């Protein structure tokens, strides 16, 4: 799959959101796409999916089947989870979603109406509908946001399996959940320009991530302990932290 001088703007007089992007993707590539909020990551995913056409440039050799899991799953639909997945299965020519129920830890959600889903639960449904069609290109927009710990652990092995089968996976991801995979590459989108950057989660040159959380004073100690066990660097709370 190739992007050749791809640019996109929403209106003729607008500044380009994506500018002159050139990139080559091989079967099995896993791409971590990073960039600040508003940098154009979701727009780039839509261009890759074929849902939006470039203002200029071309995207060629796109796999025939594309799976897209959006950042915010559209829950404003009159379905339960199982009814929605059955509906998508019919659209996808009888694709099976049932194998993903256990792998994505979503069995308890099947009878829940979409309107009642949390963001993390909505992500699971979005992942299931994207995966069920056996895509050649899988696009994930912030796939780890809101997921429970078990599903966060389950997702990288799923992506690795897909990569080994030749699926191209591109994930807009602030959390670095796929960096440990052997085929992972990193793209950075800044002011519409795309660059490939080197580095993994273990590199000493990687920029630190600061997480600010407000909790009641009684919960801070337990929270810091759990964060430390998960590998995050923490600092002792100040009076300002615990207000």
Protein backbone atom coordinates (compact mmCIF):
# COMPACT_ATOMS: atom_id res chain seq x y z
CA UNK A 1 0.00 0.00 0.00
CA UNK A 2 1.43 3.37 -0.98
CA UNK A 3 0.64 7.00 -0.17
CA UNK A 4 2.02 9.37 -2.81
CA UNK A 5 2.10 13.10 -2.03
CA UNK A 6 -1.22 12.87 -0.17
CA UNK A 7 -2.74 16.12 1.07
CA UNK A 8 -6.14 16.95 2.48
CA UNK A 9 -8.02 20.10 3.44
CA UNK A 10 -11.66 20.37 4.47
CA UNK A 11 -12.40 23.47 2.39
CA UNK A 12 -10.60 25.22 -0.45
CA UNK A 13 -9.45 28.15 1.70
CA UNK A 14 -8.59 26.06 4.77
CA UNK A 15 -5.07 25.18 5.80
CA UNK A 16 -4.16 21.60 4.86
CA UNK A 17 -4.76 19.05 7.61
CA UNK A 18 -2.50 16.54 5.84
CA UNK A 19 0.37 17.80 3.69
CA UNK A 20 2.45 15.96 1.10
CA UNK A 21 2.50 12.57 2.82
CA UNK A 22 4.61 9.85 1.18
CA UNK A 23 4.67 6.41 2.80
CA UNK A 24 5.01 2.76 1.89
CA UNK A 25 3.30 -0.05 3.80
CA UNK A 26 4.19 -3.73 3.48
CA UNK A 27 2.05 -6.72 4.46
CA UNK A 28 2.37 -7.36 8.18
CA UNK A 29 3.45 -3.82 9.11
CA UNK A 30 2.24 -2.51 12.46
CA UNK A 31 2.24 1.30 12.69
CA UNK A 32 1.92 3.34 15.85
CA UNK A 33 0.63 6.77 14.78
CA UNK A 34 1.29 9.58 17.24
CA UNK A 35 0.67 13.30 17.28
CA UNK A 36 -0.96 16.00 19.36
CA UNK A 37 -4.72 16.37 19.60
CA UNK A 38 -5.93 17.98 16.39
CA UNK A 39 -2.82 16.95 14.44
CA UNK A 40 -4.92 15.08 11.88
CA UNK A 41 -4.49 11.47 13.01
CA UNK A 42 -8.17 10.55 12.68
CA UNK A 43 -8.30 12.30 9.30
CA UNK A 44 -5.32 10.26 8.12
CA UNK A 45 -7.01 7.05 9.26
CA UNK A 46 -10.13 7.98 7.29
CA UNK A 47 -8.00 8.65 4.22
CA UNK A 48 -6.30 5.28 4.63
CA UNK A 49 -9.69 3.59 5.01
CA UNK A 50 -11.02 5.20 1.84
CA UNK A 51 -13.82 6.98 3.69
CA UNK A 52 -12.31 10.36 2.75
CA UNK A 53 -10.65 11.16 -0.57
CA UNK A 54 -7.36 13.10 -0.67
CA UNK A 55 -7.53 16.67 -1.92
CA UNK A 56 -4.41 15.79 -3.90
CA UNK A 57 -2.13 12.80 -4.25
CA UNK A 58 -3.03 9.12 -4.38
CA UNK A 59 -3.40 6.08 -2.13
CA UNK A 60 -2.84 2.87 -4.08
CA UNK A 61 -2.85 -0.87 -3.44
CA UNK A 62 -5.24 -0.60 -0.50
CA UNK A 63 -6.26 -4.10 0.68
CA UNK A 64 -9.70 -5.15 -0.49
CA UNK A 65 -11.13 -5.52 3.03
CA UNK A 66 -10.64 -2.72 5.57
CA UNK A 67 -11.57 -2.82 9.26
CA UNK A 68 -11.91 0.49 11.13
CA UNK A 69 -12.45 0.83 14.89
CA UNK A 70 -13.20 4.52 15.58
CA UNK A 71 -12.12 6.47 18.64
CA UNK A 72 -15.75 6.94 19.68
CA UNK A 73 -18.04 4.08 18.77
CA UNK A 74 -21.43 5.42 17.55
CA UNK A 75 -23.72 4.12 20.30
CA UNK A 76 -26.79 6.11 19.18
CA UNK A 77 -28.28 3.08 17.47
CA UNK A 78 -31.37 1.00 18.37
CA UNK A 79 -29.55 -2.29 18.94
CA UNK A 80 -28.25 -4.51 21.67
CA UNK A 81 -24.61 -5.48 21.19
CA UNK A 82 -25.46 -8.91 19.80
CA UNK A 83 -28.14 -7.49 17.45
CA UNK A 84 -25.67 -4.90 16.16
CA UNK A 85 -22.97 -7.51 15.54
CA UNK A 86 -25.48 -9.75 13.76
CA UNK A 87 -26.49 -6.78 11.62
CA UNK A 88 -22.84 -6.07 10.75
CA UNK A 89 -22.29 -9.76 10.03
CA UNK A 90 -25.04 -9.67 7.40
CA UNK A 91 -23.50 -6.57 5.84
CA UNK A 92 -20.12 -8.34 5.83
CA UNK A 93 -21.51 -11.39 4.03
CA UNK A 94 -21.93 -13.63 7.07
CA UNK A 95 -18.65 -12.79 8.82
CA UNK A 96 -18.43 -14.39 12.27
CA UNK A 97 -18.11 -12.17 15.30
CA UNK A 98 -18.55 -14.91 17.92
CA UNK A 99 -14.83 -15.88 18.10
CA UNK A 100 -14.00 -12.36 19.25
CA UNK A 101 -16.40 -12.34 22.18
CA UNK A 102 -14.13 -14.32 24.48
CA UNK A 103 -10.89 -12.82 23.21
CA UNK A 104 -12.14 -9.27 23.82
CA UNK A 105 -13.79 -10.15 27.16
CA UNK A 106 -17.20 -8.93 26.04
CA UNK A 107 -19.53 -11.86 26.71
CA UNK A 108 -21.39 -9.95 29.42
CA UNK A 109 -22.11 -7.11 26.98
CA UNK A 110 -24.12 -9.05 24.40
CA UNK A 111 -27.53 -8.22 25.85
CA UNK A 112 -26.67 -4.59 26.65
CA UNK A 113 -28.11 -1.82 24.51
CA UNK A 114 -25.53 0.25 22.66
CA UNK A 115 -26.78 3.43 24.33
CA UNK A 116 -25.84 2.00 27.73
CA UNK A 117 -22.21 1.19 26.87
CA UNK A 118 -19.26 2.91 28.49
CA UNK A 119 -16.50 4.22 26.21
CA UNK A 120 -14.34 1.17 26.90
CA UNK A 121 -17.19 -1.24 26.22
CA UNK A 122 -18.00 0.65 23.04
CA UNK A 123 -14.37 0.19 21.99
CA UNK A 124 -14.76 -3.57 22.35
CA UNK A 125 -17.81 -3.60 20.08
CA UNK A 126 -15.95 -1.42 17.58
CA UNK A 127 -13.00 -3.79 17.65
CA UNK A 128 -15.23 -6.84 17.14
CA UNK A 129 -16.96 -5.32 14.10
CA UNK A 130 -13.59 -4.30 12.62
CA UNK A 131 -12.02 -7.73 13.19
CA UNK A 132 -14.91 -9.95 12.14
CA UNK A 133 -14.45 -9.39 8.39
CA UNK A 134 -10.85 -10.70 8.33
CA UNK A 135 -9.45 -7.36 7.09
CA UNK A 136 -6.26 -6.91 5.13
CA UNK A 137 -5.96 -3.41 6.60
CA UNK A 138 -6.97 -2.77 10.21
CA UNK A 139 -7.22 0.84 11.42
CA UNK A 140 -7.54 1.50 15.15
CA UNK A 141 -8.21 4.96 16.59
CA UNK A 142 -7.04 5.08 20.23
CA UNK A 143 -7.85 1.38 20.71
CA UNK A 144 -6.66 1.14 24.33
CA UNK A 145 -8.66 4.10 25.66
CA UNK A 146 -11.05 2.96 28.38
CA UNK A 147 -10.32 -0.76 28.02
CA UNK A 148 -10.19 -2.98 31.10
CA UNK A 149 -6.83 -4.50 32.02
CA UNK A 150 -7.62 -7.97 30.63
CA UNK A 151 -8.57 -6.61 27.22
CA UNK A 152 -5.55 -4.30 27.16
CA UNK A 153 -3.37 -7.37 27.60
CA UNK A 154 -5.32 -9.34 24.98
CA UNK A 155 -5.11 -6.78 22.18
CA UNK A 156 -1.35 -6.79 21.38
CA UNK A 157 -1.25 -10.60 20.84
CA UNK A 158 -4.27 -10.26 18.51
CA UNK A 159 -2.46 -7.59 16.51
CA UNK A 160 0.70 -9.69 16.40
CA UNK A 161 -1.27 -12.66 15.02
CA UNK A 162 -2.80 -10.44 12.35
CA UNK A 163 0.63 -9.07 11.47
CA UNK A 164 2.00 -12.58 11.05
CA UNK A 165 -0.86 -13.28 8.61
CA UNK A 166 0.12 -10.24 6.53
CA UNK A 167 -2.48 -7.77 7.83
CA UNK A 168 -1.39 -4.12 7.93
CA UNK A 169 -2.35 -2.60 11.29
CA UNK A 170 -2.25 1.15 11.92
CA UNK A 171 -3.15 2.41 15.39
CA UNK A 172 -3.44 6.03 16.46
CA UNK A 173 -2.30 5.46 20.01
CA UNK A 174 -1.08 7.81 22.76
CA UNK A 175 -0.50 4.90 25.13
CA UNK A 176 2.13 2.92 23.23
CA UNK A 177 0.27 -0.34 23.64
CA UNK A 178 1.74 -1.94 20.50
CA UNK A 179 5.35 -0.77 20.72
CA UNK A 180 6.66 -4.11 21.91
CA UNK A 181 5.63 -5.93 18.73
CA UNK A 182 8.55 -6.95 16.49
CA UNK A 183 7.05 -5.45 13.31
CA UNK A 184 6.03 -2.15 14.93
CA UNK A 185 7.00 1.12 13.24
CA UNK A 186 6.32 4.62 14.53
CA UNK A 187 4.79 7.45 12.55
CA UNK A 188 4.56 10.97 13.95
CA UNK A 189 2.13 13.53 12.54
CA UNK A 190 2.99 17.19 13.19
CA UNK A 191 1.35 20.17 11.47
CA UNK A 192 0.10 17.83 8.77
CA UNK A 193 3.53 16.40 7.99
CA UNK A 194 4.24 12.70 8.54
CA UNK A 195 7.61 11.43 9.71
CA UNK A 196 8.77 7.96 10.62
CA UNK A 197 10.62 7.95 13.93
CA UNK A 198 12.82 5.34 15.53
CA UNK A 199 12.46 4.04 19.05
CA UNK A 200 10.57 1.67 21.29
CA UNK A 201 9.05 1.86 24.73
CA UNK A 202 12.39 0.77 26.22
CA UNK A 203 14.54 3.46 24.57
CA UNK A 204 16.25 5.86 26.93
CA UNK A 205 15.53 8.65 24.43
CA UNK A 206 11.79 8.21 24.65
CA UNK A 207 9.99 11.21 26.05
CA UNK A 208 8.44 10.61 29.48
CA UNK A 209 4.69 10.58 29.86
CA UNK A 210 3.15 12.53 32.72
CA UNK A 211 -0.27 11.45 33.94
CA UNK A 212 -2.22 13.86 36.13
CA UNK A 213 -5.04 12.31 38.17
CA UNK A 214 -7.24 13.86 40.84
CA UNK A 215 -8.32 11.45 43.59
CA UNK A 216 -9.69 11.67 47.10
CA UNK A 217 -6.88 11.66 49.66
CA UNK A 218 -7.85 8.23 51.00
CA UNK A 219 -7.39 6.64 47.55
CA UNK A 220 -4.06 8.18 46.56
CA UNK A 221 -1.76 5.69 48.27
CA UNK A 222 -3.46 2.64 46.80
CA UNK A 223 -3.56 4.27 43.36
CA UNK A 224 0.18 5.07 43.39
CA UNK A 225 0.99 1.52 44.47
CA UNK A 226 -1.00 0.05 41.58
CA UNK A 227 0.54 2.48 39.09
CA UNK A 228 4.04 1.58 40.32
CA UNK A 229 3.32 -2.13 39.89
CA UNK A 230 2.23 -1.44 36.29
CA UNK A 231 5.57 0.21 35.52
CA UNK A 232 4.62 3.90 35.72
CA UNK A 233 6.87 6.39 37.47
CA UNK A 234 5.05 8.10 40.31
CA UNK A 235 5.80 10.79 42.86
CA UNK A 236 4.64 11.15 46.42
CA UNK A 237 1.43 13.22 46.67
CA UNK A 238 1.62 16.82 47.77
CA UNK A 239 -1.18 18.60 49.65
CA UNK A 240 -2.23 20.09 46.30
CA UNK A 241 -2.52 16.58 44.79
CA UNK A 242 -4.88 15.33 47.49
CA UNK A 243 -7.34 18.19 47.72
